[in-house]
Amino acid sequence: MKYQYQTTGTCSKFIEFEIDNDNIIHNVIFYGGCSGNLQGISKLVEGLTSDEVIHKLKGISCSGGPTSCPDQLATAIIQALEQQTK
């Protein structure tokens, strides 16, 4: 299923991604932010399980702030998983 998440506290404005029936992450696209770094993150998380991505990215901060683009992706995935169970 395809999801969109509006980020907060980051240079990127929103994230699109898919989670398949096996909770595998696909097609992550960040809009706004540092293009090269975010393309790298997107490629690195492709094919990982949602739990793996959350475990690796949750809590990463940027420039001393409370969040980052990777942290926002983890938050977006958590929110998407919560929507799936409703």
Protein backbone atom coordinates (compact mmCIF):
# COMPACT_ATOMS: atom_id res chain seq x y z
CA MET A 1 0.00 0.00 0.00
CA LYS A 2 1.21 3.51 -0.79
CA TYR A 3 1.55 6.12 1.95
CA GLN A 4 2.30 9.83 2.16
CA TYR A 5 3.61 11.56 5.26
CA GLN A 6 4.03 15.29 5.82
CA THR A 7 7.27 15.80 7.71
CA THR A 8 7.84 18.24 10.56
CA GLY A 9 11.08 19.82 11.69
CA THR A 10 13.09 18.88 8.58
CA CYS A 11 14.10 20.34 5.22
CA SER A 12 12.08 17.71 3.39
CA LYS A 13 8.38 18.52 3.10
CA PHE A 14 6.87 15.06 2.72
CA ILE A 15 7.70 11.43 2.08
CA GLU A 16 6.01 8.84 -0.14
CA PHE A 17 6.65 5.12 0.28
CA GLU A 18 5.05 1.72 -0.07
CA ILE A 19 4.74 -1.16 2.37
CA ASP A 20 3.87 -4.52 0.82
CA ASN A 21 1.92 -7.35 2.45
CA ASP A 22 5.11 -8.73 4.03
CA ASN A 23 5.91 -5.31 5.61
CA ILE A 24 8.73 -4.70 3.13
CA ILE A 25 9.55 -1.06 2.29
CA HIS A 26 9.60 0.04 -1.37
CA ASN A 27 9.81 3.18 -3.49
CA VAL A 28 10.74 5.75 -0.83
CA ILE A 29 10.73 9.29 -2.22
CA PHE A 30 11.56 12.39 -0.17
CA TYR A 31 10.33 15.76 -1.47
CA GLY A 32 12.60 18.64 -0.55
CA GLY A 33 15.71 18.33 1.57
CA CYS A 34 19.23 17.22 0.64
CA SER A 35 18.66 15.35 -2.60
CA GLY A 36 21.79 13.18 -2.65
CA ASN A 37 21.55 12.09 0.97
CA LEU A 38 17.85 11.37 0.74
CA GLN A 39 18.25 9.38 -2.48
CA GLY A 40 20.90 7.36 -0.64
CA ILE A 41 18.60 6.68 2.30
CA SER A 42 15.84 5.65 -0.10
CA LYS A 43 18.10 3.12 -1.82
CA LEU A 44 19.50 1.80 1.47
CA VAL A 45 16.07 1.05 2.96
CA GLU A 46 14.63 -0.49 -0.25
CA GLY A 47 13.69 -4.10 0.44
CA LEU A 48 14.14 -3.92 4.22
CA THR A 49 11.32 -4.77 6.60
CA SER A 50 9.50 -1.94 8.29
CA ASP A 51 10.92 -3.10 11.66
CA GLU A 52 14.48 -2.99 10.31
CA VAL A 53 14.04 0.55 8.99
CA ILE A 54 12.44 1.77 12.22
CA HIS A 55 15.20 0.17 14.30
CA LYS A 56 17.97 1.74 12.18
CA LEU A 57 16.54 5.24 11.73
CA LYS A 58 14.37 6.11 14.74
CA GLY A 59 15.96 8.73 16.97
CA ILE A 60 18.53 10.12 14.51
CA SER A 61 18.79 13.88 14.90
CA CYS A 62 20.01 16.52 12.46
CA SER A 63 22.07 19.56 13.47
CA GLY A 64 21.23 19.01 17.14
CA GLY A 65 17.48 19.15 16.51
CA PRO A 66 14.93 16.69 17.81
CA THR A 67 14.42 14.92 14.48
CA SER A 68 15.86 14.34 11.00
CA CYS A 69 14.71 13.08 7.62
CA PRO A 70 15.64 9.47 8.55
CA ASP A 71 13.80 9.83 11.88
CA GLN A 72 10.78 11.23 10.04
CA LEU A 73 10.78 8.20 7.73
CA ALA A 74 10.76 5.91 10.77
CA THR A 75 7.89 7.93 12.25
CA ALA A 76 6.01 7.76 8.95
CA ILE A 77 6.38 3.97 8.83
CA ILE A 78 5.17 3.62 12.42
CA GLN A 79 2.12 5.72 11.57
CA ALA A 80 1.44 3.67 8.42
CA LEU A 81 1.64 0.42 10.38
CA GLU A 82 -0.81 1.80 12.93
CA GLN A 83 -3.21 2.69 10.09
CA GLN A 84 -2.95 -0.87 8.76
CA THR A 85 -4.17 -2.32 12.06
CA LYS A 86 -7.26 -0.11 12.20
